[in-house]
Each structure stands twice: as C-alpha cells, then as structure tokens.
Amino acid sequence: MTSEFERIKILEGKISHIVEYIHKLTIENEKLKKQMKELKADNKRYQEQVGKTDKLDESLKRYQEERGIIKDKIDAIIGQIDHLGI
C-alpha cells in the first residue's frame, strides 16, 4: 500500500512539473505572438517607407532630367546671344 501511495506522489510530482512547463510555454508563446505582431507592424512601416523612397527617387530622376534640359536650353540661348554679339 505504501508503494502505491509513493507511486501516486511521484506521478503527482511529474504532473506538476508538466503543468509548470506548459504554463511556461504558454507565457513564452504569448511573448512570441506579441513580438511577431510588432515585427509585422515594423515590416509594414518599412514597406511604406520603401514605397515613399521609390517615389522620391523617381521624382529626383525626373527633376534631374528636367534640369539638364533647362541647362541645355539656357546654354543654347546664351550661345545665340553671344552669336549676336550682344
């Protein structure tokens, strides 16, 4: 009878350890879910920033092209004025 009681106590101890382990895993899982949510939000902000940067790059290229065209036109006008001797 004592050995059966001891076996039940051992089983009870093992079950307590399993319950504690499951509790720790549950807490860790919640932390990981929170981190994942934060990382997804960070990734979304990063992707939005990439989109804005791409648009700014396109605008910069367009402005640089326009600047080159304007510079060429000004050089042509200055050349015409110089040709006139003014």
PDB file of N, CA and C in Angstrom:
ATOM      1  N   MET A   1       0.814  -1.183   0.000  1.00  0.00           N
ATOM      2  CA  MET A   1       0.000   0.000   0.000  1.00  0.00           C
ATOM      3  C   MET A   1       0.863   1.254   0.000  1.00  0.00           C
ATOM      4  N   THR A   2       1.952   1.238   0.750  1.00  0.00           N
ATOM      5  CA  THR A   2       2.844   2.386   0.798  1.00  0.00           C
ATOM      6  C   THR A   2       3.481   2.632  -0.558  1.00  0.00           C
ATOM      7  N   SER A   3       3.853   1.565  -1.237  1.00  0.00           N
ATOM      8  CA  SER A   3       4.499   1.751  -2.534  1.00  0.00           C
ATOM      9  C   SER A   3       3.529   2.355  -3.545  1.00  0.00           C
ATOM     10  N   GLU A   4       2.257   1.993  -3.468  1.00  0.00           N
ATOM     11  CA  GLU A   4       1.268   2.584  -4.362  1.00  0.00           C
ATOM     12  C   GLU A   4       1.091   4.068  -4.044  1.00  0.00           C
ATOM     13  N   PHE A   5       1.107   4.390  -2.769  1.00  0.00           N
ATOM     14  CA  PHE A   5       0.994   5.790  -2.361  1.00  0.00           C
ATOM     15  C   PHE A   5       2.205   6.581  -2.843  1.00  0.00           C
ATOM     16  N   GLU A   6       3.388   5.990  -2.725  1.00  0.00           N
ATOM     17  CA  GLU A   6       4.611   6.653  -3.201  1.00  0.00           C
ATOM     18  C   GLU A   6       4.563   6.836  -4.716  1.00  0.00           C
ATOM     19  N   ARG A   7       4.073   5.840  -5.419  1.00  0.00           N
ATOM     20  CA  ARG A   7       3.965   5.944  -6.891  1.00  0.00           C
ATOM     21  C   ARG A   7       2.996   7.069  -7.279  1.00  0.00           C
ATOM     22  N   ILE A   8       1.918   7.202  -6.529  1.00  0.00           N
ATOM     23  CA  ILE A   8       0.952   8.273  -6.803  1.00  0.00           C
ATOM     24  C   ILE A   8       1.601   9.629  -6.534  1.00  0.00           C
ATOM     25  N   LYS A   9       2.393   9.732  -5.453  1.00  0.00           N
ATOM     26  CA  LYS A   9       3.091  11.003  -5.155  1.00  0.00           C
ATOM     27  C   LYS A   9       4.078  11.332  -6.265  1.00  0.00           C
ATOM     28  N   ILE A  10       4.816  10.319  -6.751  1.00  0.00           N
ATOM     29  CA  ILE A  10       5.772  10.537  -7.848  1.00  0.00           C
ATOM     30  C   ILE A  10       5.021  11.006  -9.095  1.00  0.00           C
ATOM     31  N   LEU A  11       3.915  10.342  -9.401  1.00  0.00           N
ATOM     32  CA  LEU A  11       3.107  10.727 -10.553  1.00  0.00           C
ATOM     33  C   LEU A  11       2.580  12.150 -10.395  1.00  0.00           C
ATOM     34  N   GLU A  12       2.133  12.468  -9.187  1.00  0.00           N
ATOM     35  CA  GLU A  12       1.636  13.820  -8.907  1.00  0.00           C
ATOM     36  C   GLU A  12       2.739  14.855  -9.130  1.00  0.00           C
ATOM     37  N   GLY A  13       3.966  14.539  -8.685  1.00  0.00           N
ATOM     38  CA  GLY A  13       5.096  15.447  -8.886  1.00  0.00           C
ATOM     39  C   GLY A  13       5.401  15.642 -10.361  1.00  0.00           C
ATOM     40  N   LYS A  14       5.369  14.555 -11.128  1.00  0.00           N
ATOM     41  CA  LYS A  14       5.627  14.646 -12.572  1.00  0.00           C
ATOM     42  C   LYS A  14       4.550  15.466 -13.266  1.00  0.00           C
ATOM     43  N   ILE A  15       3.313  15.263 -12.874  1.00  0.00           N
ATOM     44  CA  ILE A  15       2.210  16.034 -13.464  1.00  0.00           C
ATOM     45  C   ILE A  15       2.369  17.514 -13.125  1.00  0.00           C
ATOM     46  N   SER A  16       2.793  17.815 -11.890  1.00  0.00           N
ATOM     47  CA  SER A  16       3.020  19.218 -11.505  1.00  0.00           C
ATOM     48  C   SER A  16       4.105  19.851 -12.372  1.00  0.00           C
ATOM     49  N   HIS A  17       5.182  19.096 -12.634  1.00  0.00           N
ATOM     50  CA  HIS A  17       6.253  19.602 -13.499  1.00  0.00           C
ATOM     51  C   HIS A  17       5.747  19.851 -14.923  1.00  0.00           C
ATOM     52  N   ILE A  18       4.922  18.928 -15.404  1.00  0.00           N
ATOM     53  CA  ILE A  18       4.364  19.092 -16.755  1.00  0.00           C
ATOM     54  C   ILE A  18       3.475  20.330 -16.819  1.00  0.00           C
ATOM     55  N   VAL A  19       2.654  20.536 -15.804  1.00  0.00           N
ATOM     56  CA  VAL A  19       1.767  21.709 -15.762  1.00  0.00           C
ATOM     57  C   VAL A  19       2.594  22.990 -15.718  1.00  0.00           C
ATOM     58  N   GLU A  20       3.643  23.012 -14.915  1.00  0.00           N
ATOM     59  CA  GLU A  20       4.524  24.187 -14.854  1.00  0.00           C
ATOM     60  C   GLU A  20       5.180  24.443 -16.207  1.00  0.00           C
ATOM     61  N   TYR A  21       5.638  23.379 -16.856  1.00  0.00           N
ATOM     62  CA  TYR A  21       6.293  23.502 -18.164  1.00  0.00           C
ATOM     63  C   TYR A  21       5.310  24.051 -19.205  1.00  0.00           C
ATOM     64  N   ILE A  22       4.087  23.537 -19.195  1.00  0.00           N
ATOM     65  CA  ILE A  22       3.060  24.028 -20.123  1.00  0.00           C
ATOM     66  C   ILE A  22       2.764  25.498 -19.849  1.00  0.00           C
ATOM     67  N   HIS A  23       2.719  25.869 -18.587  1.00  0.00           N
ATOM     68  CA  HIS A  23       2.474  27.267 -18.221  1.00  0.00           C
ATOM     69  C   HIS A  23       3.603  28.162 -18.757  1.00  0.00           C
ATOM     70  N   LYS A  24       4.856  27.731 -18.584  1.00  0.00           N
ATOM     71  CA  LYS A  24       5.989  28.497 -19.107  1.00  0.00           C
ATOM     72  C   LYS A  24       5.917  28.614 -20.623  1.00  0.00           C
ATOM     73  N   LEU A  25       5.568  27.512 -21.289  1.00  0.00           N
ATOM     74  CA  LEU A  25       5.446  27.537 -22.747  1.00  0.00           C
ATOM     75  C   LEU A  25       4.329  28.477 -23.197  1.00  0.00           C
ATOM     76  N   THR A  26       3.252  28.504 -22.457  1.00  0.00           N
ATOM     77  CA  THR A  26       2.133  29.393 -22.791  1.00  0.00           C
ATOM     78  C   THR A  26       2.564  30.853 -22.683  1.00  0.00           C
ATOM     79  N   ILE A  27       3.274  31.173 -21.626  1.00  0.00           N
ATOM     80  CA  ILE A  27       3.774  32.546 -21.449  1.00  0.00           C
ATOM     81  C   ILE A  27       4.746  32.907 -22.574  1.00  0.00           C
ATOM     82  N   GLU A  28       5.655  31.990 -22.885  1.00  0.00           N
ATOM     83  CA  GLU A  28       6.617  32.239 -23.962  1.00  0.00           C
ATOM     84  C   GLU A  28       5.905  32.393 -25.303  1.00  0.00           C
ATOM     85  N   ASN A  29       4.882  31.584 -25.522  1.00  0.00           N
ATOM     86  CA  ASN A  29       4.119  31.677 -26.768  1.00  0.00           C
ATOM     87  C   ASN A  29       3.443  33.036 -26.892  1.00  0.00           C
ATOM     88  N   GLU A  30       2.877  33.543 -25.809  1.00  0.00           N
ATOM     89  CA  GLU A  30       2.243  34.868 -25.825  1.00  0.00           C
ATOM     90  C   GLU A  30       3.269  35.963 -26.135  1.00  0.00           C
ATOM     91  N   LYS A  31       4.460  35.846 -25.540  1.00  0.00           N
ATOM     92  CA  LYS A  31       5.519  36.821 -25.821  1.00  0.00           C
ATOM     93  C   LYS A  31       5.911  36.783 -27.286  1.00  0.00           C
ATOM     94  N   LEU A  32       6.041  35.567 -27.821  1.00  0.00           N
ATOM     95  CA  LEU A  32       6.419  35.424 -29.231  1.00  0.00           C
ATOM     96  C   LEU A  32       5.333  35.969 -30.159  1.00  0.00           C
ATOM     97  N   LYS A  33       4.067  35.754 -29.796  1.00  0.00           N
ATOM     98  CA  LYS A  33       2.970  36.309 -30.600  1.00  0.00           C
ATOM     99  C   LYS A  33       3.033  37.836 -30.607  1.00  0.00           C
ATOM    100  N   LYS A  34       3.317  38.410 -29.446  1.00  0.00           N
ATOM    101  CA  LYS A  34       3.420  39.867 -29.346  1.00  0.00           C
ATOM    102  C   LYS A  34       4.583  40.374 -30.188  1.00  0.00           C
ATOM    103  N   GLN A  35       5.733  39.689 -30.111  1.00  0.00           N
ATOM    104  CA  GLN A  35       6.891  40.085 -30.907  1.00  0.00           C
ATOM    105  C   GLN A  35       6.571  39.993 -32.397  1.00  0.00           C
ATOM    106  N   MET A  36       5.878  38.922 -32.791  1.00  0.00           N
ATOM    107  CA  MET A  36       5.522  38.736 -34.195  1.00  0.00           C
ATOM    108  C   MET A  36       4.621  39.870 -34.680  1.00  0.00           C
ATOM    109  N   LYS A  37       3.670  40.251 -33.839  1.00  0.00           N
ATOM    110  CA  LYS A  37       2.763  41.351 -34.188  1.00  0.00           C
ATOM    111  C   LYS A  37       3.548  42.652 -34.361  1.00  0.00           C
ATOM    112  N   GLU A  38       4.494  42.906 -33.442  1.00  0.00           N
ATOM    113  CA  GLU A  38       5.317  44.111 -33.534  1.00  0.00           C
ATOM    114  C   GLU A  38       6.190  44.082 -34.782  1.00  0.00           C
ATOM    115  N   LEU A  39       6.757  42.919 -35.092  1.00  0.00           N
ATOM    116  CA  LEU A  39       7.603  42.798 -36.282  1.00  0.00           C
ATOM    117  C   LEU A  39       6.793  43.000 -37.561  1.00  0.00           C
ATOM    118  N   LYS A  40       5.573  42.495 -37.575  1.00  0.00           N
ATOM    119  CA  LYS A  40       4.715  42.702 -38.749  1.00  0.00           C
ATOM    120  C   LYS A  40       4.402  44.185 -38.928  1.00  0.00           C
ATOM    121  N   ALA A  41       4.147  44.864 -37.817  1.00  0.00           N
ATOM    122  CA  ALA A  41       3.874  46.306 -37.888  1.00  0.00           C
ATOM    123  C   ALA A  41       5.118  47.056 -38.366  1.00  0.00           C
ATOM    124  N   ASP A  42       6.281  46.674 -37.845  1.00  0.00           N
ATOM    125  CA  ASP A  42       7.533  47.292 -38.288  1.00  0.00           C
ATOM    126  C   ASP A  42       7.754  47.052 -39.773  1.00  0.00           C
ATOM    127  N   ASN A  43       7.481  45.830 -40.218  1.00  0.00           N
ATOM    128  CA  ASN A  43       7.665  45.496 -41.629  1.00  0.00           C
ATOM    129  C   ASN A  43       6.723  46.320 -42.509  1.00  0.00           C
ATOM    130  N   LYS A  44       5.497  46.502 -42.050  1.00  0.00           N
ATOM    131  CA  LYS A  44       4.537  47.309 -42.809  1.00  0.00           C
ATOM    132  C   LYS A  44       5.031  48.750 -42.928  1.00  0.00           C
ATOM    133  N   ARG A  45       5.520  49.301 -41.822  1.00  0.00           N
ATOM    134  CA  ARG A  45       6.054  50.674 -41.864  1.00  0.00           C
ATOM    135  C   ARG A  45       7.266  50.741 -42.794  1.00  0.00           C
ATOM    136  N   TYR A  46       8.107  49.725 -42.743  1.00  0.00           N
ATOM    137  CA  TYR A  46       9.286  49.691 -43.610  1.00  0.00           C
ATOM    138  C   TYR A  46       8.860  49.651 -45.075  1.00  0.00           C
ATOM    139  N   GLN A  47       7.894  48.808 -45.404  1.00  0.00           N
ATOM    140  CA  GLN A  47       7.428  48.710 -46.792  1.00  0.00           C
ATOM    141  C   GLN A  47       6.824  50.036 -47.266  1.00  0.00           C
ATOM    142  N   GLU A  48       6.086  50.704 -46.383  1.00  0.00           N
ATOM    143  CA  GLU A  48       5.531  52.011 -46.737  1.00  0.00           C
ATOM    144  C   GLU A  48       6.652  53.009 -46.998  1.00  0.00           C
ATOM    145  N   GLN A  49       7.688  52.958 -46.165  1.00  0.00           N
ATOM    146  CA  GLN A  49       8.825  53.866 -46.334  1.00  0.00           C
ATOM    147  C   GLN A  49       9.552  53.572 -47.644  1.00  0.00           C
ATOM    148  N   VAL A  50       9.688  52.295 -47.992  1.00  0.00           N
ATOM    149  CA  VAL A  50      10.320  51.915 -49.253  1.00  0.00           C
ATOM    150  C   VAL A  50       9.525  52.495 -50.421  1.00  0.00           C
ATOM    151  N   GLY A  51       8.200  52.416 -50.334  1.00  0.00           N
ATOM    152  CA  GLY A  51       7.352  52.975 -51.394  1.00  0.00           C
ATOM    153  C   GLY A  51       7.548  54.480 -51.529  1.00  0.00           C
ATOM    154  N   LYS A  52       7.601  55.169 -50.401  1.00  0.00           N
ATOM    155  CA  LYS A  52       7.828  56.619 -50.434  1.00  0.00           C
ATOM    156  C   LYS A  52       9.198  56.938 -51.004  1.00  0.00           C
ATOM    157  N   THR A  53      10.202  56.171 -50.619  1.00  0.00           N
ATOM    158  CA  THR A  53      11.558  56.394 -51.121  1.00  0.00           C
ATOM    159  C   THR A  53      11.625  56.169 -52.627  1.00  0.00           C
ATOM    160  N   ASP A  54      10.951  55.132 -53.110  1.00  0.00           N
ATOM    161  CA  ASP A  54      10.923  54.870 -54.549  1.00  0.00           C
ATOM    162  C   ASP A  54      10.294  56.041 -55.308  1.00  0.00           C
ATOM    163  N   LYS A  55       9.208  56.568 -54.767  1.00  0.00           N
ATOM    164  CA  LYS A  55       8.553  57.713 -55.412  1.00  0.00           C
ATOM    165  C   LYS A  55       9.477  58.931 -55.416  1.00  0.00           C
ATOM    166  N   LEU A  56      10.176  59.155 -54.307  1.00  0.00           N
ATOM    167  CA  LEU A  56      11.110  60.281 -54.245  1.00  0.00           C
ATOM    168  C   LEU A  56      12.265  60.096 -55.229  1.00  0.00           C
ATOM    169  N   ASP A  57      12.749  58.863 -55.360  1.00  0.00           N
ATOM    170  CA  ASP A  57      13.816  58.587 -56.330  1.00  0.00           C
ATOM    171  C   ASP A  57      13.350  58.892 -57.750  1.00  0.00           C
ATOM    172  N   GLU A  58      12.125  58.480 -58.069  1.00  0.00           N
ATOM    173  CA  GLU A  58      11.573  58.762 -59.396  1.00  0.00           C
ATOM    174  C   GLU A  58      11.461  60.266 -59.618  1.00  0.00           C
ATOM    175  N   SER A  59      10.986  60.994 -58.630  1.00  0.00           N
ATOM    176  CA  SER A  59      10.862  62.449 -58.746  1.00  0.00           C
ATOM    177  C   SER A  59      12.231  63.089 -58.924  1.00  0.00           C
ATOM    178  N   LEU A  60      13.204  62.627 -58.166  1.00  0.00           N
ATOM    179  CA  LEU A  60      14.555  63.173 -58.273  1.00  0.00           C
ATOM    180  C   LEU A  60      15.124  62.954 -59.667  1.00  0.00           C
ATOM    181  N   LYS A  61      14.949  61.778 -60.214  1.00  0.00           N
ATOM    182  CA  LYS A  61      15.442  61.492 -61.572  1.00  0.00           C
ATOM    183  C   LYS A  61      14.755  62.401 -62.591  1.00  0.00           C
ATOM    184  N   ARG A  62      13.443  62.553 -62.446  1.00  0.00           N
ATOM    185  CA  ARG A  62      12.698  63.415 -63.361  1.00  0.00           C
ATOM    186  C   ARG A  62      13.186  64.863 -63.262  1.00  0.00           C
ATOM    187  N   TYR A  63      13.404  65.356 -62.037  1.00  0.00           N
ATOM    188  CA  TYR A  63      13.890  66.726 -61.851  1.00  0.00           C
ATOM    189  C   TYR A  63      15.296  66.893 -62.404  1.00  0.00           C
ATOM    190  N   GLN A  64      16.130  65.871 -62.252  1.00  0.00           N
ATOM    191  CA  GLN A  64      17.483  65.950 -62.805  1.00  0.00           C
ATOM    192  C   GLN A  64      17.452  66.000 -64.332  1.00  0.00           C
ATOM    193  N   GLU A  65      16.554  65.213 -64.924  1.00  0.00           N
ATOM    194  CA  GLU A  65      16.407  65.252 -66.390  1.00  0.00           C
ATOM    195  C   GLU A  65      15.918  66.617 -66.840  1.00  0.00           C
ATOM    196  N   GLU A  66      14.910  67.150 -66.145  1.00  0.00           N
ATOM    197  CA  GLU A  66      14.380  68.475 -66.483  1.00  0.00           C
ATOM    198  C   GLU A  66      15.451  69.542 -66.315  1.00  0.00           C
ATOM    199  N   ARG A  67      16.256  69.421 -65.272  1.00  0.00           N
ATOM    200  CA  ARG A  67      17.344  70.379 -65.022  1.00  0.00           C
ATOM    201  C   ARG A  67      18.341  70.341 -66.182  1.00  0.00           C
ATOM    202  N   GLY A  68      18.645  69.131 -66.641  1.00  0.00           N
ATOM    203  CA  GLY A  68      19.562  69.012 -67.775  1.00  0.00           C
ATOM    204  C   GLY A  68      18.998  69.653 -69.031  1.00  0.00           C
ATOM    205  N   ILE A  69      17.700  69.454 -69.270  1.00  0.00           N
ATOM    206  CA  ILE A  69      17.050  70.044 -70.441  1.00  0.00           C
ATOM    207  C   ILE A  69      17.072  71.566 -70.338  1.00  0.00           C
ATOM    208  N   ILE A  70      16.728  72.106 -69.182  1.00  0.00           N
ATOM    209  CA  ILE A  70      16.724  73.560 -68.972  1.00  0.00           C
ATOM    210  C   ILE A  70      18.128  74.121 -69.145  1.00  0.00           C
ATOM    211  N   LYS A  71      19.120  73.415 -68.591  1.00  0.00           N
ATOM    212  CA  LYS A  71      20.511  73.869 -68.725  1.00  0.00           C
ATOM    213  C   LYS A  71      20.911  73.922 -70.195  1.00  0.00           C
ATOM    214  N   ASP A  72      20.554  72.904 -70.956  1.00  0.00           N
ATOM    215  CA  ASP A  72      20.875  72.887 -72.393  1.00  0.00           C
ATOM    216  C   ASP A  72      20.196  74.047 -73.116  1.00  0.00           C
ATOM    217  N   LYS A  73      18.933  74.336 -72.762  1.00  0.00           N
ATOM    218  CA  LYS A  73      18.211  75.442 -73.400  1.00  0.00           C
ATOM    219  C   LYS A  73      18.860  76.787 -73.058  1.00  0.00           C
ATOM    220  N   ILE A  74      19.248  76.947 -71.780  1.00  0.00           N
ATOM    221  CA  ILE A  74      19.914  78.194 -71.367  1.00  0.00           C
ATOM    222  C   ILE A  74      21.236  78.346 -72.093  1.00  0.00           C
ATOM    223  N   ASP A  75      22.002  77.262 -72.208  1.00  0.00           N
ATOM    224  CA  ASP A  75      23.265  77.309 -72.942  1.00  0.00           C
ATOM    225  C   ASP A  75      23.029  77.688 -74.405  1.00  0.00           C
ATOM    226  N   ALA A  76      21.947  77.154 -74.996  1.00  0.00           N
ATOM    227  CA  ALA A  76      21.630  77.486 -76.392  1.00  0.00           C
ATOM    228  C   ALA A  76      21.267  78.966 -76.520  1.00  0.00           C
ATOM    229  N   ILE A  77      20.485  79.486 -75.581  1.00  0.00           N
ATOM    230  CA  ILE A  77      20.095  80.896 -75.613  1.00  0.00           C
ATOM    231  C   ILE A  77      21.337  81.785 -75.448  1.00  0.00           C
ATOM    232  N   ILE A  78      22.203  81.428 -74.494  1.00  0.00           N
ATOM    233  CA  ILE A  78      23.437  82.199 -74.275  1.00  0.00           C
ATOM    234  C   ILE A  78      24.299  82.163 -75.544  1.00  0.00           C
ATOM    235  N   GLY A  79      24.330  80.981 -76.200  1.00  0.00           N
ATOM    236  CA  GLY A  79      25.087  80.866 -77.445  1.00  0.00           C
ATOM    237  C   GLY A  79      24.518  81.760 -78.520  1.00  0.00           C
ATOM    238  N   GLN A  80      23.206  81.829 -78.619  1.00  0.00           N
ATOM    239  CA  GLN A  80      22.558  82.699 -79.622  1.00  0.00           C
ATOM    240  C   GLN A  80      22.852  84.179 -79.312  1.00  0.00           C
ATOM    241  N   ILE A  81      22.794  84.548 -78.021  1.00  0.00           N
ATOM    242  CA  ILE A  81      23.097  85.933 -77.631  1.00  0.00           C
ATOM    243  C   ILE A  81      24.543  86.249 -77.964  1.00  0.00           C
ATOM    244  N   ASP A  82      25.452  85.318 -77.648  1.00  0.00           N
ATOM    245  CA  ASP A  82      26.871  85.542 -77.982  1.00  0.00           C
ATOM    246  C   ASP A  82      27.065  85.658 -79.482  1.00  0.00           C
ATOM    247  N   HIS A  83      26.334  84.887 -80.252  1.00  0.00           N
ATOM    248  CA  HIS A  83      26.434  84.926 -81.719  1.00  0.00           C
ATOM    249  C   HIS A  83      25.961  86.278 -82.242  1.00  0.00           C
ATOM    250  N   LEU A  84      25.004  86.879 -81.576  1.00  0.00           N
ATOM    251  CA  LEU A  84      24.509  88.182 -81.982  1.00  0.00           C
ATOM    252  C   LEU A  84      25.480  89.295 -81.598  1.00  0.00           C
ATOM    253  N   GLY A  85      26.365  88.975 -80.651  1.00  0.00           N
ATOM    254  CA  GLY A  85      27.340  89.961 -80.241  1.00  0.00           C
ATOM    255  C   GLY A  85      26.788  90.953 -79.251  1.00  0.00           C
ATOM    256  N   ILE A  86      25.813  90.588 -78.539  1.00  0.00           N
ATOM    257  CA  ILE A  86      25.197  91.495 -77.577  1.00  0.00           C
ATOM    258  C   ILE A  86      25.939  91.411 -76.252  1.00  0.00           C
TER     259      ILE A  86
END
